[in-house]
Amino acid sequence: MTTRGPFDLHRIPLALAVALVGFNLPPASSQSFSITTAPVTTSPSGSGTIKFTVSGIPFDGQLVISCQYAGAASQQERARLPICGAGPAIAFNVTTGETVNSSISLVPWGTPMPLSQHGRALPTYRVLASGLLLAGALLLGFGLRSRRAQYLLLLVPGALAVAFGVLACGSNSGPNAGTYLYTMTATLNSTSPEILTSETSTTATVTIP
């Protein structure tokens, strides 16, 4: 007759415990955190939309999408390439494993942005309004009946016509045709129950006809 020692008696409960723990483990995600885009063809002026998909979100949090031209800023300015991701941030509240399908706009170079920033050109209406106010102040300062004021009255229409011409030329100057790359970045942040951050990026191909 064969007898089992204490080690053998504890082996069966231990094996059952390991099997139960392994059975209750959540399955590993088959997708990694990533962002993908589809090729885009804009209008001749440079306006368009980049569609993107973010998948494999690893934890609950806020997903922020950003976009910018992949080349040098000076090259973008010279070629008057469209601006991507300007204005308010694009953000989503997401959960683990969720997939987000959305889009981000491309706007023509020189388009006034909703958020004012230092170094940006003023919108057209503000430039013209400032010119009219300055002209009015000068006329009032010199007096309407003086000869100098009469000369100013003759110069103001010409100055405004030149201003309109410069602004019109600038607005009609479209982007250089070609294919360009833009960088799309998805940043995931969470503050509860702990601070977590994850980021992924890709390139979007943008063609201007």
C-alpha atoms as a PDB file:
ATOM      1  CA  MET A   1       0.000   0.000   0.000  1.00  0.00           C
ATOM      2  CA  THR A   2       1.368   3.376  -0.979  1.00  0.00           C
ATOM      3  CA  THR A   3       1.058   6.335   1.375  1.00  0.00           C
ATOM      4  CA  ARG A   4       1.289  10.031   0.393  1.00  0.00           C
ATOM      5  CA  GLY A   5       3.280  12.487   2.433  1.00  0.00           C
ATOM      6  CA  PRO A   6       2.127  16.003   3.441  1.00  0.00           C
ATOM      7  CA  PHE A   7       3.639  17.517   0.255  1.00  0.00           C
ATOM      8  CA  ASP A   8       1.506  15.297  -1.928  1.00  0.00           C
ATOM      9  CA  LEU A   9      -1.656  16.167   0.008  1.00  0.00           C
ATOM     10  CA  HIS A  10      -1.213  19.895  -0.605  1.00  0.00           C
ATOM     11  CA  ARG A  11      -0.360  19.500  -4.307  1.00  0.00           C
ATOM     12  CA  ILE A  12      -3.971  19.066  -5.479  1.00  0.00           C
ATOM     13  CA  PRO A  13      -5.421  22.233  -3.796  1.00  0.00           C
ATOM     14  CA  LEU A  14      -2.431  24.260  -5.031  1.00  0.00           C
ATOM     15  CA  ALA A  15      -2.920  23.084  -8.601  1.00  0.00           C
ATOM     16  CA  LEU A  16      -6.620  23.947  -8.447  1.00  0.00           C
ATOM     17  CA  ALA A  17      -5.850  27.459  -7.149  1.00  0.00           C
ATOM     18  CA  VAL A  18      -3.380  28.141  -9.964  1.00  0.00           C
ATOM     19  CA  ALA A  19      -5.913  26.884 -12.522  1.00  0.00           C
ATOM     20  CA  LEU A  20      -8.654  29.158 -11.160  1.00  0.00           C
ATOM     21  CA  VAL A  21      -6.422  32.233 -11.126  1.00  0.00           C
ATOM     22  CA  GLY A  22      -5.380  31.568 -14.726  1.00  0.00           C
ATOM     23  CA  PHE A  23      -9.009  31.117 -15.725  1.00  0.00           C
ATOM     24  CA  ASN A  24      -9.991  34.510 -14.270  1.00  0.00           C
ATOM     25  CA  LEU A  25      -7.200  36.523 -15.953  1.00  0.00           C
ATOM     26  CA  PRO A  26      -8.556  39.012 -18.552  1.00  0.00           C
ATOM     27  CA  PRO A  27      -7.513  38.292 -22.131  1.00  0.00           C
ATOM     28  CA  ALA A  28      -4.687  40.427 -23.520  1.00  0.00           C
ATOM     29  CA  SER A  29      -5.724  43.100 -26.012  1.00  0.00           C
ATOM     30  CA  SER A  30      -5.147  42.060 -29.615  1.00  0.00           C
ATOM     31  CA  GLN A  31      -4.715  45.698 -30.724  1.00  0.00           C
ATOM     32  CA  SER A  32      -1.951  48.123 -29.842  1.00  0.00           C
ATOM     33  CA  PHE A  33      -2.570  51.824 -29.257  1.00  0.00           C
ATOM     34  CA  SER A  34      -2.367  53.424 -32.704  1.00  0.00           C
ATOM     35  CA  ILE A  35      -3.732  56.132 -34.991  1.00  0.00           C
ATOM     36  CA  THR A  36      -4.266  55.658 -38.727  1.00  0.00           C
ATOM     37  CA  THR A  37      -5.339  58.042 -41.479  1.00  0.00           C
ATOM     38  CA  ALA A  38      -6.548  57.905 -45.058  1.00  0.00           C
ATOM     39  CA  PRO A  39      -4.925  59.842 -47.954  1.00  0.00           C
ATOM     40  CA  VAL A  40      -6.537  63.242 -48.560  1.00  0.00           C
ATOM     41  CA  THR A  41      -7.003  65.377 -51.671  1.00  0.00           C
ATOM     42  CA  THR A  42      -7.843  68.989 -50.817  1.00  0.00           C
ATOM     43  CA  SER A  43      -9.544  71.679 -52.857  1.00  0.00           C
ATOM     44  CA  PRO A  44      -7.254  73.940 -54.942  1.00  0.00           C
ATOM     45  CA  SER A  45      -7.350  76.482 -52.101  1.00  0.00           C
ATOM     46  CA  GLY A  46      -6.085  73.903 -49.596  1.00  0.00           C
ATOM     47  CA  SER A  47      -9.245  73.205 -47.596  1.00  0.00           C
ATOM     48  CA  GLY A  48     -10.063  69.611 -46.742  1.00  0.00           C
ATOM     49  CA  THR A  49     -10.576  67.015 -44.023  1.00  0.00           C
ATOM     50  CA  ILE A  50      -8.285  64.306 -42.660  1.00  0.00           C
ATOM     51  CA  LYS A  51     -10.194  61.270 -41.404  1.00  0.00           C
ATOM     52  CA  PHE A  52      -8.487  59.275 -38.653  1.00  0.00           C
ATOM     53  CA  THR A  53      -9.052  56.192 -36.507  1.00  0.00           C
ATOM     54  CA  VAL A  54      -7.615  55.651 -33.018  1.00  0.00           C
ATOM     55  CA  SER A  55      -7.756  52.036 -31.787  1.00  0.00           C
ATOM     56  CA  GLY A  56      -6.426  49.881 -28.960  1.00  0.00           C
ATOM     57  CA  ILE A  57      -6.966  52.532 -26.263  1.00  0.00           C
ATOM     58  CA  PRO A  58      -5.107  51.067 -23.234  1.00  0.00           C
ATOM     59  CA  PHE A  59      -6.936  52.800 -20.360  1.00  0.00           C
ATOM     60  CA  ASP A  60      -9.781  55.204 -19.542  1.00  0.00           C
ATOM     61  CA  GLY A  61      -8.987  58.886 -19.962  1.00  0.00           C
ATOM     62  CA  GLN A  62      -9.035  61.873 -22.296  1.00  0.00           C
ATOM     63  CA  LEU A  63      -7.803  61.470 -25.855  1.00  0.00           C
ATOM     64  CA  VAL A  64      -6.367  64.606 -27.492  1.00  0.00           C
ATOM     65  CA  ILE A  65      -5.670  64.787 -31.240  1.00  0.00           C
ATOM     66  CA  SER A  66      -3.108  67.185 -32.701  1.00  0.00           C
ATOM     67  CA  CYS A  67      -1.941  67.759 -36.268  1.00  0.00           C
ATOM     68  CA  GLN A  68       0.785  69.798 -37.934  1.00  0.00           C
ATOM     69  CA  TYR A  69       2.812  69.977 -41.134  1.00  0.00           C
ATOM     70  CA  ALA A  70       5.670  67.474 -40.962  1.00  0.00           C
ATOM     71  CA  GLY A  71       8.208  69.757 -42.649  1.00  0.00           C
ATOM     72  CA  ALA A  72       9.804  73.046 -41.669  1.00  0.00           C
ATOM     73  CA  ALA A  73       7.560  75.973 -40.775  1.00  0.00           C
ATOM     74  CA  SER A  74       9.423  78.182 -43.265  1.00  0.00           C
ATOM     75  CA  GLN A  75       8.675  75.730 -46.074  1.00  0.00           C
ATOM     76  CA  GLN A  76       4.988  75.668 -45.125  1.00  0.00           C
ATOM     77  CA  GLU A  77       4.879  79.462 -45.218  1.00  0.00           C
ATOM     78  CA  ARG A  78       6.662  79.765 -48.573  1.00  0.00           C
ATOM     79  CA  ALA A  79       4.405  77.177 -50.205  1.00  0.00           C
ATOM     80  CA  ARG A  80       1.319  78.543 -48.396  1.00  0.00           C
ATOM     81  CA  LEU A  81       0.365  75.018 -47.349  1.00  0.00           C
ATOM     82  CA  PRO A  82      -2.872  74.472 -45.433  1.00  0.00           C
ATOM     83  CA  ILE A  83      -2.931  74.597 -41.635  1.00  0.00           C
ATOM     84  CA  CYS A  84      -4.025  71.489 -39.762  1.00  0.00           C
ATOM     85  CA  GLY A  85      -5.343  71.313 -36.219  1.00  0.00           C
ATOM     86  CA  ALA A  86      -5.735  75.058 -35.664  1.00  0.00           C
ATOM     87  CA  GLY A  87      -8.331  76.393 -33.256  1.00  0.00           C
ATOM     88  CA  PRO A  88      -9.810  74.603 -30.245  1.00  0.00           C
ATOM     89  CA  ALA A  89      -8.298  71.255 -29.269  1.00  0.00           C
ATOM     90  CA  ILE A  90      -9.999  68.052 -30.438  1.00  0.00           C
ATOM     91  CA  ALA A  91     -10.551  65.844 -27.361  1.00  0.00           C
ATOM     92  CA  PHE A  92     -12.631  62.789 -26.462  1.00  0.00           C
ATOM     93  CA  ASN A  93     -13.442  61.013 -23.209  1.00  0.00           C
ATOM     94  CA  VAL A  94     -12.634  57.363 -23.918  1.00  0.00           C
ATOM     95  CA  THR A  95     -12.670  53.958 -22.219  1.00  0.00           C
ATOM     96  CA  THR A  96     -10.335  50.977 -22.399  1.00  0.00           C
ATOM     97  CA  GLY A  97     -10.474  49.162 -25.734  1.00  0.00           C
ATOM     98  CA  GLU A  98     -12.585  51.842 -27.427  1.00  0.00           C
ATOM     99  CA  THR A  99     -12.100  52.834 -31.070  1.00  0.00           C
ATOM    100  CA  VAL A 100     -12.522  56.476 -32.115  1.00  0.00           C
ATOM    101  CA  ASN A 101     -13.360  57.490 -35.690  1.00  0.00           C
ATOM    102  CA  SER A 102     -13.366  61.213 -36.421  1.00  0.00           C
ATOM    103  CA  SER A 103     -11.789  63.909 -38.593  1.00  0.00           C
ATOM    104  CA  ILE A 104      -9.742  67.083 -38.380  1.00  0.00           C
ATOM    105  CA  SER A 105      -9.919  70.074 -40.731  1.00  0.00           C
ATOM    106  CA  LEU A 106      -7.344  71.514 -43.108  1.00  0.00           C
ATOM    107  CA  VAL A 107      -7.803  75.247 -43.662  1.00  0.00           C
ATOM    108  CA  PRO A 108      -6.127  77.428 -46.325  1.00  0.00           C
ATOM    109  CA  TRP A 109      -2.992  79.294 -45.320  1.00  0.00           C
ATOM    110  CA  GLY A 110      -3.764  82.766 -43.970  1.00  0.00           C
ATOM    111  CA  THR A 111      -7.254  81.912 -42.719  1.00  0.00           C
ATOM    112  CA  PRO A 112      -7.974  83.843 -39.483  1.00  0.00           C
ATOM    113  CA  MET A 113      -8.022  81.448 -36.546  1.00  0.00           C
ATOM    114  CA  PRO A 114     -10.656  81.591 -33.774  1.00  0.00           C
ATOM    115  CA  LEU A 115      -7.953  81.824 -31.096  1.00  0.00           C
ATOM    116  CA  SER A 116      -5.773  84.962 -31.255  1.00  0.00           C
ATOM    117  CA  GLN A 117      -2.038  84.319 -31.047  1.00  0.00           C
ATOM    118  CA  HIS A 118       0.934  86.669 -31.041  1.00  0.00           C
ATOM    119  CA  GLY A 119       2.527  87.030 -34.429  1.00  0.00           C
ATOM    120  CA  ARG A 120      -0.579  86.177 -36.470  1.00  0.00           C
ATOM    121  CA  ALA A 121      -1.899  88.601 -39.049  1.00  0.00           C
ATOM    122  CA  LEU A 122      -5.030  90.538 -38.140  1.00  0.00           C
ATOM    123  CA  PRO A 123      -8.252  89.667 -39.982  1.00  0.00           C
ATOM    124  CA  THR A 124      -9.045  91.800 -43.014  1.00  0.00           C
ATOM    125  CA  TYR A 125     -11.936  93.682 -41.424  1.00  0.00           C
ATOM    126  CA  ARG A 126      -9.761  94.763 -38.497  1.00  0.00           C
ATOM    127  CA  VAL A 127      -7.045  96.072 -40.811  1.00  0.00           C
ATOM    128  CA  LEU A 128      -9.546  98.139 -42.793  1.00  0.00           C
ATOM    129  CA  ALA A 129     -11.321  99.398 -39.686  1.00  0.00           C
ATOM    130  CA  SER A 130      -8.013 100.530 -38.203  1.00  0.00           C
ATOM    131  CA  GLY A 131      -7.189 102.411 -41.412  1.00  0.00           C
ATOM    132  CA  LEU A 132     -10.539 104.208 -41.457  1.00  0.00           C
ATOM    133  CA  LEU A 133     -10.229 105.205 -37.806  1.00  0.00           C
ATOM    134  CA  LEU A 134      -6.735 106.558 -38.373  1.00  0.00           C
ATOM    135  CA  ALA A 135      -7.857 108.566 -41.389  1.00  0.00           C
ATOM    136  CA  GLY A 136     -10.783 110.016 -39.450  1.00  0.00           C
ATOM    137  CA  ALA A 137      -8.550 111.003 -36.556  1.00  0.00           C
ATOM    138  CA  LEU A 138      -6.135 112.772 -38.889  1.00  0.00           C
ATOM    139  CA  LEU A 139      -8.938 114.694 -40.583  1.00  0.00           C
ATOM    140  CA  LEU A 140     -10.388 115.814 -37.276  1.00  0.00           C
ATOM    141  CA  GLY A 141      -6.947 116.805 -36.008  1.00  0.00           C
ATOM    142  CA  PHE A 142      -6.135 119.047 -38.974  1.00  0.00           C
ATOM    143  CA  GLY A 143      -9.625 120.439 -39.484  1.00  0.00           C
ATOM    144  CA  LEU A 144     -11.846 119.793 -42.465  1.00  0.00           C
ATOM    145  CA  ARG A 145     -11.528 123.324 -43.856  1.00  0.00           C
ATOM    146  CA  SER A 146      -7.742 123.483 -44.024  1.00  0.00           C
ATOM    147  CA  ARG A 147      -5.900 122.866 -47.257  1.00  0.00           C
ATOM    148  CA  ARG A 148      -3.953 119.995 -45.648  1.00  0.00           C
ATOM    149  CA  ALA A 149      -7.227 118.272 -44.780  1.00  0.00           C
ATOM    150  CA  GLN A 150      -8.358 118.581 -48.397  1.00  0.00           C
ATOM    151  CA  TYR A 151      -5.162 116.844 -49.531  1.00  0.00           C
ATOM    152  CA  LEU A 152      -5.801 114.083 -47.005  1.00  0.00           C
ATOM    153  CA  LEU A 153      -9.321 113.625 -48.341  1.00  0.00           C
ATOM    154  CA  LEU A 154      -7.815 113.022 -51.773  1.00  0.00           C
ATOM    155  CA  LEU A 155      -5.222 110.551 -50.439  1.00  0.00           C
ATOM    156  CA  VAL A 156      -7.500 108.424 -48.267  1.00  0.00           C
ATOM    157  CA  PRO A 157      -9.457 106.737 -51.129  1.00  0.00           C
ATOM    158  CA  GLY A 158      -6.217 105.897 -52.918  1.00  0.00           C
ATOM    159  CA  ALA A 159      -4.659 104.440 -49.770  1.00  0.00           C
ATOM    160  CA  LEU A 160      -7.738 102.315 -49.130  1.00  0.00           C
ATOM    161  CA  ALA A 161      -7.718 101.100 -52.743  1.00  0.00           C
ATOM    162  CA  VAL A 162      -4.081 100.027 -52.372  1.00  0.00           C
ATOM    163  CA  ALA A 163      -4.909  98.254 -49.111  1.00  0.00           C
ATOM    164  CA  PHE A 164      -7.789  96.405 -50.747  1.00  0.00           C
ATOM    165  CA  GLY A 165      -5.522  95.412 -53.631  1.00  0.00           C
ATOM    166  CA  VAL A 166      -2.795  94.041 -51.350  1.00  0.00           C
ATOM    167  CA  LEU A 167      -5.307  92.087 -49.291  1.00  0.00           C
ATOM    168  CA  ALA A 168      -6.995  90.732 -52.390  1.00  0.00           C
ATOM    169  CA  CYS A 169      -3.678  89.580 -53.864  1.00  0.00           C
ATOM    170  CA  GLY A 170      -2.774  87.856 -50.615  1.00  0.00           C
ATOM    171  CA  SER A 171      -6.102  86.068 -50.335  1.00  0.00           C
ATOM    172  CA  ASN A 172      -6.046  84.869 -53.959  1.00  0.00           C
ATOM    173  CA  SER A 173      -2.554  83.418 -53.724  1.00  0.00           C
ATOM    174  CA  GLY A 174      -3.193  79.698 -53.394  1.00  0.00           C
ATOM    175  CA  PRO A 175      -0.896  76.917 -52.171  1.00  0.00           C
ATOM    176  CA  ASN A 176       1.720  75.189 -54.275  1.00  0.00           C
ATOM    177  CA  ALA A 177       0.311  72.033 -55.808  1.00  0.00           C
ATOM    178  CA  GLY A 178       1.905  68.777 -54.721  1.00  0.00           C
ATOM    179  CA  THR A 179       1.843  65.985 -52.131  1.00  0.00           C
ATOM    180  CA  TYR A 180       2.807  66.771 -48.547  1.00  0.00           C
ATOM    181  CA  LEU A 181       3.014  64.962 -45.212  1.00  0.00           C
ATOM    182  CA  TYR A 182       1.316  65.993 -41.973  1.00  0.00           C
ATOM    183  CA  THR A 183       1.965  64.471 -38.538  1.00  0.00           C
ATOM    184  CA  MET A 184      -1.090  63.249 -36.627  1.00  0.00           C
ATOM    185  CA  THR A 185      -0.605  62.571 -32.897  1.00  0.00           C
ATOM    186  CA  ALA A 186      -2.977  60.946 -30.406  1.00  0.00           C
ATOM    187  CA  THR A 187      -2.193  61.604 -26.721  1.00  0.00           C
ATOM    188  CA  LEU A 188      -4.080  59.730 -23.989  1.00  0.00           C
ATOM    189  CA  ASN A 189      -4.067  61.141 -20.439  1.00  0.00           C
ATOM    190  CA  SER A 190      -5.588  59.808 -17.240  1.00  0.00           C
ATOM    191  CA  THR A 191      -5.500  61.208 -13.683  1.00  0.00           C
ATOM    192  CA  SER A 192      -7.595  58.589 -11.883  1.00  0.00           C
ATOM    193  CA  PRO A 193      -6.793  56.318 -10.158  1.00  0.00           C
ATOM    194  CA  GLU A 194      -3.230  57.228 -11.161  1.00  0.00           C
ATOM    195  CA  ILE A 195      -1.499  59.553 -13.606  1.00  0.00           C
ATOM    196  CA  LEU A 196      -0.961  57.797 -16.931  1.00  0.00           C
ATOM    197  CA  THR A 197       0.107  59.072 -20.348  1.00  0.00           C
ATOM    198  CA  SER A 198       0.418  57.294 -23.670  1.00  0.00           C
ATOM    199  CA  GLU A 199       1.123  58.715 -27.128  1.00  0.00           C
ATOM    200  CA  THR A 200       1.132  57.443 -30.681  1.00  0.00           C
ATOM    201  CA  SER A 201       1.533  59.174 -34.037  1.00  0.00           C
ATOM    202  CA  THR A 202       1.425  58.634 -37.781  1.00  0.00           C
ATOM    203  CA  THR A 203       1.747  60.617 -41.009  1.00  0.00           C
ATOM    204  CA  ALA A 204      -1.126  61.712 -43.221  1.00  0.00           C
ATOM    205  CA  THR A 205      -0.608  62.160 -46.958  1.00  0.00           C
ATOM    206  CA  VAL A 206      -2.202  65.371 -48.262  1.00  0.00           C
ATOM    207  CA  THR A 207      -2.385  66.119 -51.980  1.00  0.00           C
ATOM    208  CA  ILE A 208      -3.110  69.648 -53.260  1.00  0.00           C
ATOM    209  CA  PRO A 209      -4.286  69.616 -56.916  1.00  0.00           C
END
